[in-house]
Amino acid sequence: MNSLKLYKTRMLKVLAFLFIIAFIDQSVGLILRYFYFHQKTGHLQALNYVFSQCKADILIFGNSRAQHHYNSQLISDLLKLRCYNAGQDGGPSILLQYALIKVITERYSPKIIIIELAPDGITQYEQFYVRQSILLPYYKGYPEIRPLILLRSPFERIKLISAIYPFNSNVINIIRFNTNSHAARKQDFEGYVPLKEVMSSEMLNPRPEIMTQTVSIVDTNMVNALKNIIQLCKEKRISLFIINSPVFHTINEKQSPTSSSDKLFLEIIHRNKVNYKDFSFDSTFAGHLDWFKDAGHLNDDGAKVFSTMVVNMLRETL
């Protein structure tokens, strides 16, 4: 009898402990959720805006190169259409772009969608799935993107039982963007974040690169996301443009050979008659250190030149 009583006592303690853990998890999760969706500034607030409120005529999607290369105010002024830059730092994959477009097009159909995407955007890269954590806070409110979130891991559905888990990777940003202590807030103009730094010659690779055929593995999930975006834009009668913006190169520098995944990307683009423009090695930017922040990112001056070129391309196509 004593052993049975001891067993019951231990079980009650375990259940009480689990209850306390669950209570803390749900309570803290509710607090984090409230502050996450009530931010006044920062890239997370911009993402919330794109998901639930934005109704711009032109939407720009992609990674940091999208966020820093497309001057949305300049594009708006020149085309007389409202443009919003929904680019996100952190190297998110096309899965994020598909999730955003999927949610947005259920609210309204923009006139133009621009996706900043290099041909290697459909290659297999583990970090693409890690960076899908940016979508976790939206799992509960947007059932239509749950299948994309669950691609992160086989255990994602179990992890999402926790109310804290969706905000794990954003706790620091939630605190920073909800207090006055965040002194390094970047200016953002309709989603566009200008970079002011100028690339120095010391940042150039002093050794010539050996040109070899790149071996890459195609990621089926990325390919499907690309195809689904194309199909969705066709159904909604949205003009889709996929653009690979400039990277720094010297005047005599040669472009790397096309990989197998690059060839598949281009095949999908051409087969579906998507408007595609590769500015990555455009001669206009050759040798212009003053237009770059680093080898992969234009600064504000370079972004103005590039955005004007994008506007001219849009005018010729539309």
C-alpha atoms as a PDB file:
ATOM      1  CA  MET A   1       0.000   0.000   0.000  1.00  0.00           C
ATOM      2  CA  ASN A   2       2.819   2.369   0.870  1.00  0.00           C
ATOM      3  CA  SER A   3       4.496   1.740  -2.481  1.00  0.00           C
ATOM      4  CA  LEU A   4       1.219   2.422  -4.336  1.00  0.00           C
ATOM      5  CA  LYS A   5       0.754   5.634  -2.383  1.00  0.00           C
ATOM      6  CA  LEU A   6       4.335   6.646  -3.141  1.00  0.00           C
ATOM      7  CA  TYR A   7       3.781   5.914  -6.847  1.00  0.00           C
ATOM      8  CA  LYS A   8       0.616   8.057  -6.924  1.00  0.00           C
ATOM      9  CA  THR A   9       2.421  10.879  -5.134  1.00  0.00           C
ATOM     10  CA  ARG A  10       5.248  10.800  -7.667  1.00  0.00           C
ATOM     11  CA  MET A  11       2.809  10.736 -10.582  1.00  0.00           C
ATOM     12  CA  LEU A  12       0.955  13.726  -9.172  1.00  0.00           C
ATOM     13  CA  LYS A  13       4.247  15.605  -8.852  1.00  0.00           C
ATOM     14  CA  VAL A  14       5.167  14.740 -12.452  1.00  0.00           C
ATOM     15  CA  LEU A  15       1.735  15.833 -13.698  1.00  0.00           C
ATOM     16  CA  ALA A  16       1.947  19.035 -11.658  1.00  0.00           C
ATOM     17  CA  PHE A  17       5.406  19.734 -13.094  1.00  0.00           C
ATOM     18  CA  LEU A  18       4.170  19.125 -16.653  1.00  0.00           C
ATOM     19  CA  PHE A  19       1.173  21.379 -16.026  1.00  0.00           C
ATOM     20  CA  ILE A  20       3.436  24.178 -14.791  1.00  0.00           C
ATOM     21  CA  ILE A  21       5.721  23.805 -17.830  1.00  0.00           C
ATOM     22  CA  ALA A  22       2.714  23.847 -20.192  1.00  0.00           C
ATOM     23  CA  PHE A  23       1.222  26.856 -18.399  1.00  0.00           C
ATOM     24  CA  ILE A  24       4.497  28.794 -18.615  1.00  0.00           C
ATOM     25  CA  ASP A  25       4.923  27.838 -22.282  1.00  0.00           C
ATOM     26  CA  GLN A  26       1.418  28.961 -23.239  1.00  0.00           C
ATOM     27  CA  SER A  27       1.591  32.153 -21.170  1.00  0.00           C
ATOM     28  CA  VAL A  28       4.997  33.250 -22.457  1.00  0.00           C
ATOM     29  CA  GLY A  29       3.962  32.240 -25.988  1.00  0.00           C
ATOM     30  CA  LEU A  30       0.879  34.484 -25.802  1.00  0.00           C
ATOM     31  CA  ILE A  31       3.030  37.420 -24.642  1.00  0.00           C
ATOM     32  CA  LEU A  32       5.567  36.879 -27.423  1.00  0.00           C
ATOM     33  CA  ARG A  33       2.764  36.536 -29.997  1.00  0.00           C
ATOM     34  CA  TYR A  34       1.192  39.815 -28.861  1.00  0.00           C
ATOM     35  CA  PHE A  35       4.438  41.778 -29.107  1.00  0.00           C
ATOM     36  CA  TYR A  36       5.463  40.092 -32.374  1.00  0.00           C
ATOM     37  CA  PHE A  37       2.259  41.173 -34.104  1.00  0.00           C
ATOM     38  CA  HIS A  38       2.222  44.664 -32.556  1.00  0.00           C
ATOM     39  CA  GLN A  39       5.685  45.856 -33.590  1.00  0.00           C
ATOM     40  CA  LYS A  40       6.017  49.402 -34.857  1.00  0.00           C
ATOM     41  CA  THR A  41       9.277  49.077 -36.754  1.00  0.00           C
ATOM     42  CA  GLY A  42      11.837  46.645 -38.102  1.00  0.00           C
ATOM     43  CA  HIS A  43      11.800  43.844 -40.683  1.00  0.00           C
ATOM     44  CA  LEU A  44       9.340  41.743 -38.676  1.00  0.00           C
ATOM     45  CA  GLN A  45       6.797  44.571 -38.676  1.00  0.00           C
ATOM     46  CA  ALA A  46       7.303  44.865 -42.440  1.00  0.00           C
ATOM     47  CA  LEU A  47       6.650  41.148 -42.839  1.00  0.00           C
ATOM     48  CA  ASN A  48       3.438  41.427 -40.792  1.00  0.00           C
ATOM     49  CA  TYR A  49       2.344  44.313 -43.008  1.00  0.00           C
ATOM     50  CA  VAL A  50       2.956  42.334 -46.201  1.00  0.00           C
ATOM     51  CA  PHE A  51       1.032  39.328 -44.880  1.00  0.00           C
ATOM     52  CA  SER A  52      -2.063  41.199 -43.709  1.00  0.00           C
ATOM     53  CA  GLN A  53      -2.364  44.741 -45.081  1.00  0.00           C
ATOM     54  CA  CYS A  54      -0.221  45.590 -48.097  1.00  0.00           C
ATOM     55  CA  LYS A  55      -2.137  46.317 -51.322  1.00  0.00           C
ATOM     56  CA  ALA A  56       0.568  47.846 -53.491  1.00  0.00           C
ATOM     57  CA  ASP A  57       0.368  47.689 -57.300  1.00  0.00           C
ATOM     58  CA  ILE A  58       3.934  46.376 -57.535  1.00  0.00           C
ATOM     59  CA  LEU A  59       5.424  43.919 -55.032  1.00  0.00           C
ATOM     60  CA  ILE A  60       9.089  42.963 -54.831  1.00  0.00           C
ATOM     61  CA  PHE A  61      10.139  39.698 -53.163  1.00  0.00           C
ATOM     62  CA  GLY A  62      13.461  38.053 -52.412  1.00  0.00           C
ATOM     63  CA  ASN A  63      16.408  38.054 -50.045  1.00  0.00           C
ATOM     64  CA  SER A  64      18.646  40.914 -48.881  1.00  0.00           C
ATOM     65  CA  ARG A  65      19.534  41.678 -52.488  1.00  0.00           C
ATOM     66  CA  ALA A  66      15.868  42.410 -53.120  1.00  0.00           C
ATOM     67  CA  GLN A  67      15.557  44.529 -49.989  1.00  0.00           C
ATOM     68  CA  HIS A  68      18.618  46.670 -50.791  1.00  0.00           C
ATOM     69  CA  HIS A  69      18.614  46.791 -54.610  1.00  0.00           C
ATOM     70  CA  TYR A  70      15.087  47.921 -55.502  1.00  0.00           C
ATOM     71  CA  ASN A  71      14.324  51.515 -54.549  1.00  0.00           C
ATOM     72  CA  SER A  72      10.552  51.188 -54.247  1.00  0.00           C
ATOM     73  CA  GLN A  73       9.942  54.929 -53.881  1.00  0.00           C
ATOM     74  CA  LEU A  74      11.867  55.645 -57.070  1.00  0.00           C
ATOM     75  CA  ILE A  75       9.986  52.876 -58.911  1.00  0.00           C
ATOM     76  CA  SER A  76       6.662  54.267 -57.623  1.00  0.00           C
ATOM     77  CA  ASP A  77       7.517  57.802 -58.736  1.00  0.00           C
ATOM     78  CA  LEU A  78       8.626  56.790 -62.230  1.00  0.00           C
ATOM     79  CA  LEU A  79       5.774  54.371 -62.956  1.00  0.00           C
ATOM     80  CA  LYS A  80       3.036  56.238 -61.048  1.00  0.00           C
ATOM     81  CA  LEU A  81       2.128  52.941 -59.358  1.00  0.00           C
ATOM     82  CA  ARG A  82       2.537  52.158 -55.686  1.00  0.00           C
ATOM     83  CA  CYS A  83       5.483  49.821 -55.134  1.00  0.00           C
ATOM     84  CA  TYR A  84       6.368  47.952 -51.939  1.00  0.00           C
ATOM     85  CA  ASN A  85       9.606  46.076 -51.326  1.00  0.00           C
ATOM     86  CA  ALA A  86       8.933  42.867 -49.366  1.00  0.00           C
ATOM     87  CA  GLY A  87      12.531  41.631 -49.521  1.00  0.00           C
ATOM     88  CA  GLN A  88      13.925  40.029 -46.367  1.00  0.00           C
ATOM     89  CA  ASP A  89      17.457  39.868 -44.988  1.00  0.00           C
ATOM     90  CA  GLY A  90      18.783  36.487 -43.899  1.00  0.00           C
ATOM     91  CA  GLY A  91      18.842  34.601 -47.186  1.00  0.00           C
ATOM     92  CA  PRO A  92      15.316  33.141 -47.253  1.00  0.00           C
ATOM     93  CA  SER A  93      14.485  30.755 -50.077  1.00  0.00           C
ATOM     94  CA  ILE A  94      11.796  30.833 -52.739  1.00  0.00           C
ATOM     95  CA  LEU A  95       9.606  28.895 -50.273  1.00  0.00           C
ATOM     96  CA  LEU A  96       9.119  32.154 -48.355  1.00  0.00           C
ATOM     97  CA  GLN A  97       8.271  34.015 -51.555  1.00  0.00           C
ATOM     98  CA  TYR A  98       5.704  31.364 -52.444  1.00  0.00           C
ATOM     99  CA  ALA A  99       4.162  31.520 -48.959  1.00  0.00           C
ATOM    100  CA  LEU A 100       3.856  35.316 -49.140  1.00  0.00           C
ATOM    101  CA  ILE A 101       2.428  35.323 -52.662  1.00  0.00           C
ATOM    102  CA  LYS A 102       0.004  32.530 -51.756  1.00  0.00           C
ATOM    103  CA  VAL A 103      -1.388  34.523 -48.801  1.00  0.00           C
ATOM    104  CA  ILE A 104      -1.373  37.913 -50.532  1.00  0.00           C
ATOM    105  CA  THR A 105      -3.194  36.773 -53.667  1.00  0.00           C
ATOM    106  CA  GLU A 106      -6.080  35.543 -51.548  1.00  0.00           C
ATOM    107  CA  ARG A 107      -6.606  39.182 -50.468  1.00  0.00           C
ATOM    108  CA  TYR A 108      -5.977  40.935 -53.783  1.00  0.00           C
ATOM    109  CA  SER A 109      -4.072  40.687 -57.071  1.00  0.00           C
ATOM    110  CA  PRO A 110      -1.177  43.115 -57.539  1.00  0.00           C
ATOM    111  CA  LYS A 111      -0.476  44.307 -61.084  1.00  0.00           C
ATOM    112  CA  ILE A 112       3.195  43.291 -61.039  1.00  0.00           C
ATOM    113  CA  ILE A 113       5.263  40.892 -58.948  1.00  0.00           C
ATOM    114  CA  ILE A 114       9.059  41.053 -59.125  1.00  0.00           C
ATOM    115  CA  ILE A 115      11.108  38.237 -57.599  1.00  0.00           C
ATOM    116  CA  GLU A 116      14.826  38.698 -57.061  1.00  0.00           C
ATOM    117  CA  LEU A 117      16.108  35.196 -57.748  1.00  0.00           C
ATOM    118  CA  ALA A 118      19.356  33.773 -59.085  1.00  0.00           C
ATOM    119  CA  PRO A 119      19.293  30.510 -61.062  1.00  0.00           C
ATOM    120  CA  ASP A 120      20.910  28.694 -58.119  1.00  0.00           C
ATOM    121  CA  GLY A 121      17.785  29.439 -56.062  1.00  0.00           C
ATOM    122  CA  ILE A 122      16.460  25.941 -56.794  1.00  0.00           C
ATOM    123  CA  THR A 123      19.545  24.097 -55.553  1.00  0.00           C
ATOM    124  CA  GLN A 124      19.562  21.938 -52.440  1.00  0.00           C
ATOM    125  CA  TYR A 125      20.780  23.951 -49.464  1.00  0.00           C
ATOM    126  CA  GLU A 126      20.029  22.950 -45.880  1.00  0.00           C
ATOM    127  CA  GLN A 127      20.037  26.530 -44.610  1.00  0.00           C
ATOM    128  CA  PHE A 128      17.013  27.320 -46.790  1.00  0.00           C
ATOM    129  CA  TYR A 129      14.904  25.168 -44.477  1.00  0.00           C
ATOM    130  CA  VAL A 130      16.499  26.564 -41.316  1.00  0.00           C
ATOM    131  CA  ARG A 131      15.613  30.060 -42.504  1.00  0.00           C
ATOM    132  CA  GLN A 132      11.989  29.017 -42.940  1.00  0.00           C
ATOM    133  CA  SER A 133      11.732  29.746 -39.199  1.00  0.00           C
ATOM    134  CA  ILE A 134      10.665  33.231 -40.265  1.00  0.00           C
ATOM    135  CA  LEU A 135       7.272  31.687 -41.163  1.00  0.00           C
ATOM    136  CA  LEU A 136       6.692  29.904 -37.842  1.00  0.00           C
ATOM    137  CA  PRO A 137       4.701  32.753 -36.192  1.00  0.00           C
ATOM    138  CA  TYR A 138       2.189  32.534 -39.071  1.00  0.00           C
ATOM    139  CA  TYR A 139       1.529  28.806 -38.761  1.00  0.00           C
ATOM    140  CA  LYS A 140      -1.480  29.270 -36.520  1.00  0.00           C
ATOM    141  CA  GLY A 141      -3.163  32.065 -38.481  1.00  0.00           C
ATOM    142  CA  TYR A 142      -2.513  30.968 -42.073  1.00  0.00           C
ATOM    143  CA  PRO A 143      -3.476  27.309 -42.707  1.00  0.00           C
ATOM    144  CA  GLU A 144      -2.696  27.662 -46.420  1.00  0.00           C
ATOM    145  CA  ILE A 145       1.070  27.904 -45.776  1.00  0.00           C
ATOM    146  CA  ARG A 146       1.324  25.147 -43.153  1.00  0.00           C
ATOM    147  CA  PRO A 147       2.552  22.523 -45.666  1.00  0.00           C
ATOM    148  CA  LEU A 148       5.474  24.823 -46.536  1.00  0.00           C
ATOM    149  CA  ILE A 149       6.372  25.324 -42.862  1.00  0.00           C
ATOM    150  CA  LEU A 150       6.215  21.590 -42.149  1.00  0.00           C
ATOM    151  CA  LEU A 151       8.942  21.021 -44.762  1.00  0.00           C
ATOM    152  CA  ARG A 152      11.474  22.218 -42.160  1.00  0.00           C
ATOM    153  CA  SER A 153      11.670  18.827 -40.431  1.00  0.00           C
ATOM    154  CA  PRO A 154       9.657  15.637 -39.745  1.00  0.00           C
ATOM    155  CA  PHE A 155       9.157  16.834 -36.155  1.00  0.00           C
ATOM    156  CA  GLU A 156       7.896  20.329 -36.946  1.00  0.00           C
ATOM    157  CA  ARG A 157       4.243  19.537 -36.216  1.00  0.00           C
ATOM    158  CA  ILE A 158       5.193  18.273 -32.732  1.00  0.00           C
ATOM    159  CA  LYS A 159       7.441  21.263 -32.011  1.00  0.00           C
ATOM    160  CA  LEU A 160       4.610  23.617 -32.939  1.00  0.00           C
ATOM    161  CA  ILE A 161       2.535  22.342 -30.020  1.00  0.00           C
ATOM    162  CA  SER A 162       4.690  24.734 -28.010  1.00  0.00           C
ATOM    163  CA  ALA A 163       3.480  28.336 -27.987  1.00  0.00           C
ATOM    164  CA  ILE A 164       7.025  29.642 -27.492  1.00  0.00           C
ATOM    165  CA  TYR A 165       8.686  27.651 -30.273  1.00  0.00           C
ATOM    166  CA  PRO A 166       7.402  29.785 -33.216  1.00  0.00           C
ATOM    167  CA  PHE A 167       9.131  32.836 -31.713  1.00  0.00           C
ATOM    168  CA  ASN A 168      12.417  31.228 -30.561  1.00  0.00           C
ATOM    169  CA  SER A 169      14.533  32.753 -33.311  1.00  0.00           C
ATOM    170  CA  ASN A 170      12.883  36.173 -33.010  1.00  0.00           C
ATOM    171  CA  VAL A 171      12.933  36.809 -29.251  1.00  0.00           C
ATOM    172  CA  ILE A 172      15.841  39.277 -29.444  1.00  0.00           C
ATOM    173  CA  ASN A 173      14.270  41.160 -32.354  1.00  0.00           C
ATOM    174  CA  ILE A 174      10.895  41.263 -30.592  1.00  0.00           C
ATOM    175  CA  ILE A 175      12.549  42.904 -27.574  1.00  0.00           C
ATOM    176  CA  ARG A 176      14.628  45.299 -29.698  1.00  0.00           C
ATOM    177  CA  PHE A 177      11.786  46.457 -31.902  1.00  0.00           C
ATOM    178  CA  ASN A 178       9.366  46.909 -28.998  1.00  0.00           C
ATOM    179  CA  THR A 179      11.636  49.082 -26.857  1.00  0.00           C
ATOM    180  CA  ASN A 180      13.299  52.430 -27.329  1.00  0.00           C
ATOM    181  CA  SER A 181      16.679  50.829 -26.661  1.00  0.00           C
ATOM    182  CA  HIS A 182      17.090  49.767 -30.291  1.00  0.00           C
ATOM    183  CA  ALA A 183      19.162  52.693 -31.515  1.00  0.00           C
ATOM    184  CA  ALA A 184      20.287  51.063 -34.766  1.00  0.00           C
ATOM    185  CA  ARG A 185      16.932  51.036 -36.516  1.00  0.00           C
ATOM    186  CA  LYS A 186      17.451  51.250 -40.251  1.00  0.00           C
ATOM    187  CA  GLN A 187      15.474  53.648 -42.370  1.00  0.00           C
ATOM    188  CA  ASP A 188      13.027  51.866 -44.586  1.00  0.00           C
ATOM    189  CA  PHE A 189      11.216  53.457 -47.495  1.00  0.00           C
ATOM    190  CA  GLU A 190       8.235  51.359 -48.571  1.00  0.00           C
ATOM    191  CA  GLY A 191      10.259  48.299 -47.581  1.00  0.00           C
ATOM    192  CA  TYR A 192      13.441  49.422 -49.346  1.00  0.00           C
ATOM    193  CA  VAL A 193      16.447  49.651 -47.000  1.00  0.00           C
ATOM    194  CA  PRO A 194      19.316  51.720 -48.501  1.00  0.00           C
ATOM    195  CA  LEU A 195      22.931  50.757 -47.880  1.00  0.00           C
ATOM    196  CA  LYS A 196      25.291  53.727 -47.564  1.00  0.00           C
ATOM    197  CA  GLU A 197      28.688  52.009 -47.382  1.00  0.00           C
ATOM    198  CA  VAL A 198      31.030  51.946 -50.390  1.00  0.00           C
ATOM    199  CA  MET A 199      33.023  48.889 -51.413  1.00  0.00           C
ATOM    200  CA  SER A 200      36.805  49.223 -51.199  1.00  0.00           C
ATOM    201  CA  SER A 201      39.383  47.653 -53.509  1.00  0.00           C
ATOM    202  CA  GLU A 202      40.677  45.683 -50.514  1.00  0.00           C
ATOM    203  CA  MET A 203      37.460  43.633 -50.638  1.00  0.00           C
ATOM    204  CA  LEU A 204      38.314  42.261 -54.081  1.00  0.00           C
ATOM    205  CA  ASN A 205      39.618  38.724 -54.409  1.00  0.00           C
ATOM    206  CA  PRO A 206      43.306  39.144 -55.294  1.00  0.00           C
ATOM    207  CA  ARG A 207      43.548  35.637 -56.800  1.00  0.00           C
ATOM    208  CA  PRO A 208      41.911  34.825 -60.143  1.00  0.00           C
ATOM    209  CA  GLU A 209      39.115  32.289 -59.817  1.00  0.00           C
ATOM    210  CA  ILE A 210      39.473  28.917 -61.521  1.00  0.00           C
ATOM    211  CA  MET A 211      36.532  28.441 -63.866  1.00  0.00           C
ATOM    212  CA  THR A 212      35.120  24.951 -63.374  1.00  0.00           C
ATOM    213  CA  GLN A 213      31.770  23.311 -64.056  1.00  0.00           C
ATOM    214  CA  THR A 214      29.666  23.656 -60.921  1.00  0.00           C
ATOM    215  CA  VAL A 215      28.056  20.516 -59.525  1.00  0.00           C
ATOM    216  CA  SER A 216      24.744  21.152 -57.797  1.00  0.00           C
ATOM    217  CA  ILE A 217      21.746  19.165 -56.627  1.00  0.00           C
ATOM    218  CA  VAL A 218      18.266  20.344 -57.524  1.00  0.00           C
ATOM    219  CA  ASP A 219      15.798  20.681 -54.634  1.00  0.00           C
ATOM    220  CA  THR A 220      12.352  19.434 -55.697  1.00  0.00           C
ATOM    221  CA  ASN A 221      10.599  21.621 -53.114  1.00  0.00           C
ATOM    222  CA  MET A 222      12.243  24.754 -54.534  1.00  0.00           C
ATOM    223  CA  VAL A 223      11.371  23.720 -58.088  1.00  0.00           C
ATOM    224  CA  ASN A 224       7.740  23.136 -57.104  1.00  0.00           C
ATOM    225  CA  ALA A 225       7.608  26.520 -55.339  1.00  0.00           C
ATOM    226  CA  LEU A 226       8.883  28.240 -58.495  1.00  0.00           C
ATOM    227  CA  LYS A 227       6.361  26.428 -60.696  1.00  0.00           C
ATOM    228  CA  ASN A 228       3.514  27.170 -58.272  1.00  0.00           C
ATOM    229  CA  ILE A 229       4.347  30.877 -58.216  1.00  0.00           C
ATOM    230  CA  ILE A 230       4.323  30.975 -62.021  1.00  0.00           C
ATOM    231  CA  GLN A 231       0.978  29.149 -62.154  1.00  0.00           C
ATOM    232  CA  LEU A 232      -0.556  31.338 -59.446  1.00  0.00           C
ATOM    233  CA  CYS A 233       0.444  34.535 -61.239  1.00  0.00           C
ATOM    234  CA  LYS A 234      -1.049  33.211 -64.488  1.00  0.00           C
ATOM    235  CA  GLU A 235      -4.330  32.366 -62.750  1.00  0.00           C
ATOM    236  CA  LYS A 236      -4.522  35.788 -61.087  1.00  0.00           C
ATOM    237  CA  ARG A 237      -3.413  37.637 -64.253  1.00  0.00           C
ATOM    238  CA  ILE A 238      -0.385  39.113 -62.493  1.00  0.00           C
ATOM    239  CA  SER A 239       2.643  40.151 -64.572  1.00  0.00           C
ATOM    240  CA  LEU A 240       5.541  38.169 -63.116  1.00  0.00           C
ATOM    241  CA  PHE A 241       9.161  39.268 -63.495  1.00  0.00           C
ATOM    242  CA  ILE A 242      12.093  37.234 -62.219  1.00  0.00           C
ATOM    243  CA  ILE A 243      15.292  39.256 -61.994  1.00  0.00           C
ATOM    244  CA  ASN A 244      18.876  38.457 -61.045  1.00  0.00           C
ATOM    245  CA  SER A 245      20.318  41.806 -59.973  1.00  0.00           C
ATOM    246  CA  PRO A 246      23.966  42.951 -60.355  1.00  0.00           C
ATOM    247  CA  VAL A 247      26.942  41.544 -58.486  1.00  0.00           C
ATOM    248  CA  PHE A 248      30.300  43.268 -58.561  1.00  0.00           C
ATOM    249  CA  HIS A 249      32.642  42.199 -61.335  1.00  0.00           C
ATOM    250  CA  THR A 250      35.663  43.763 -62.952  1.00  0.00           C
ATOM    251  CA  ILE A 251      35.615  44.779 -66.604  1.00  0.00           C
ATOM    252  CA  ASN A 252      37.573  41.712 -67.773  1.00  0.00           C
ATOM    253  CA  GLU A 253      36.084  39.203 -65.334  1.00  0.00           C
ATOM    254  CA  LYS A 254      34.410  36.136 -66.814  1.00  0.00           C
ATOM    255  CA  GLN A 255      31.079  34.722 -65.691  1.00  0.00           C
ATOM    256  CA  SER A 256      31.031  31.284 -64.039  1.00  0.00           C
ATOM    257  CA  PRO A 257      29.874  28.320 -66.167  1.00  0.00           C
ATOM    258  CA  THR A 258      26.199  27.393 -65.989  1.00  0.00           C
ATOM    259  CA  SER A 259      25.454  24.516 -63.589  1.00  0.00           C
ATOM    260  CA  SER A 260      22.910  21.755 -64.182  1.00  0.00           C
ATOM    261  CA  SER A 261      20.454  23.346 -61.728  1.00  0.00           C
ATOM    262  CA  ASP A 262      20.909  26.719 -63.450  1.00  0.00           C
ATOM    263  CA  LYS A 263      19.985  25.098 -66.760  1.00  0.00           C
ATOM    264  CA  LEU A 264      16.832  23.570 -65.261  1.00  0.00           C
ATOM    265  CA  PHE A 265      15.876  26.942 -63.763  1.00  0.00           C
ATOM    266  CA  LEU A 266      16.243  28.668 -67.129  1.00  0.00           C
ATOM    267  CA  GLU A 267      14.349  25.864 -68.853  1.00  0.00           C
ATOM    268  CA  ILE A 268      11.382  26.315 -66.470  1.00  0.00           C
ATOM    269  CA  ILE A 269      11.457  30.079 -66.954  1.00  0.00           C
ATOM    270  CA  HIS A 270      11.558  29.912 -70.760  1.00  0.00           C
ATOM    271  CA  ARG A 271       9.034  27.073 -71.051  1.00  0.00           C
ATOM    272  CA  ASN A 272       6.520  29.105 -69.052  1.00  0.00           C
ATOM    273  CA  LYS A 273       7.346  32.334 -70.933  1.00  0.00           C
ATOM    274  CA  VAL A 274       8.222  34.202 -67.732  1.00  0.00           C
ATOM    275  CA  ASN A 275       9.748  37.656 -68.040  1.00  0.00           C
ATOM    276  CA  TYR A 276      13.335  37.014 -66.922  1.00  0.00           C
ATOM    277  CA  LYS A 277      16.277  39.380 -66.911  1.00  0.00           C
ATOM    278  CA  ASP A 278      19.788  38.597 -65.716  1.00  0.00           C
ATOM    279  CA  PHE A 279      21.598  41.797 -64.686  1.00  0.00           C
ATOM    280  CA  SER A 280      24.244  39.926 -62.673  1.00  0.00           C
ATOM    281  CA  PHE A 281      27.016  40.639 -65.194  1.00  0.00           C
ATOM    282  CA  ASP A 282      25.552  43.755 -66.782  1.00  0.00           C
ATOM    283  CA  SER A 283      28.373  45.860 -68.229  1.00  0.00           C
ATOM    284  CA  THR A 284      26.861  49.041 -66.752  1.00  0.00           C
ATOM    285  CA  PHE A 285      28.090  47.981 -63.319  1.00  0.00           C
ATOM    286  CA  ALA A 286      31.481  46.553 -64.316  1.00  0.00           C
ATOM    287  CA  GLY A 287      34.263  47.975 -62.142  1.00  0.00           C
ATOM    288  CA  HIS A 288      31.947  50.396 -60.294  1.00  0.00           C
ATOM    289  CA  LEU A 289      33.161  49.990 -56.717  1.00  0.00           C
ATOM    290  CA  ASP A 290      31.313  53.219 -55.879  1.00  0.00           C
ATOM    291  CA  TRP A 291      27.939  51.550 -56.600  1.00  0.00           C
ATOM    292  CA  PHE A 292      28.456  48.572 -54.305  1.00  0.00           C
ATOM    293  CA  LYS A 293      28.504  48.003 -50.558  1.00  0.00           C
ATOM    294  CA  ASP A 294      30.204  44.630 -51.054  1.00  0.00           C
ATOM    295  CA  ALA A 295      30.556  42.122 -53.893  1.00  0.00           C
ATOM    296  CA  GLY A 296      26.956  40.939 -53.569  1.00  0.00           C
ATOM    297  CA  HIS A 297      25.074  44.123 -52.622  1.00  0.00           C
ATOM    298  CA  LEU A 298      24.490  47.464 -54.303  1.00  0.00           C
ATOM    299  CA  ASN A 299      24.620  50.570 -52.138  1.00  0.00           C
ATOM    300  CA  ASP A 300      22.020  53.339 -52.394  1.00  0.00           C
ATOM    301  CA  ASP A 301      23.697  54.988 -55.401  1.00  0.00           C
ATOM    302  CA  GLY A 302      23.906  51.672 -57.239  1.00  0.00           C
ATOM    303  CA  ALA A 303      20.314  50.835 -56.306  1.00  0.00           C
ATOM    304  CA  LYS A 304      19.102  54.080 -57.891  1.00  0.00           C
ATOM    305  CA  VAL A 305      20.874  53.236 -61.158  1.00  0.00           C
ATOM    306  CA  PHE A 306      19.589  49.668 -61.102  1.00  0.00           C
ATOM    307  CA  SER A 307      16.012  50.611 -60.136  1.00  0.00           C
ATOM    308  CA  THR A 308      15.878  53.041 -63.077  1.00  0.00           C
ATOM    309  CA  MET A 309      16.986  50.187 -65.362  1.00  0.00           C
ATOM    310  CA  VAL A 310      14.247  47.968 -63.916  1.00  0.00           C
ATOM    311  CA  VAL A 311      11.653  50.678 -64.583  1.00  0.00           C
ATOM    312  CA  ASN A 312      12.821  50.974 -68.205  1.00  0.00           C
ATOM    313  CA  MET A 313      12.596  47.188 -68.578  1.00  0.00           C
ATOM    314  CA  LEU A 314       9.068  47.179 -67.163  1.00  0.00           C
ATOM    315  CA  ARG A 315       7.996  49.947 -69.534  1.00  0.00           C
ATOM    316  CA  GLU A 316       9.290  47.995 -72.521  1.00  0.00           C
ATOM    317  CA  THR A 317       7.562  44.781 -71.445  1.00  0.00           C
ATOM    318  CA  LEU A 318       4.167  45.964 -70.220  1.00  0.00           C
END
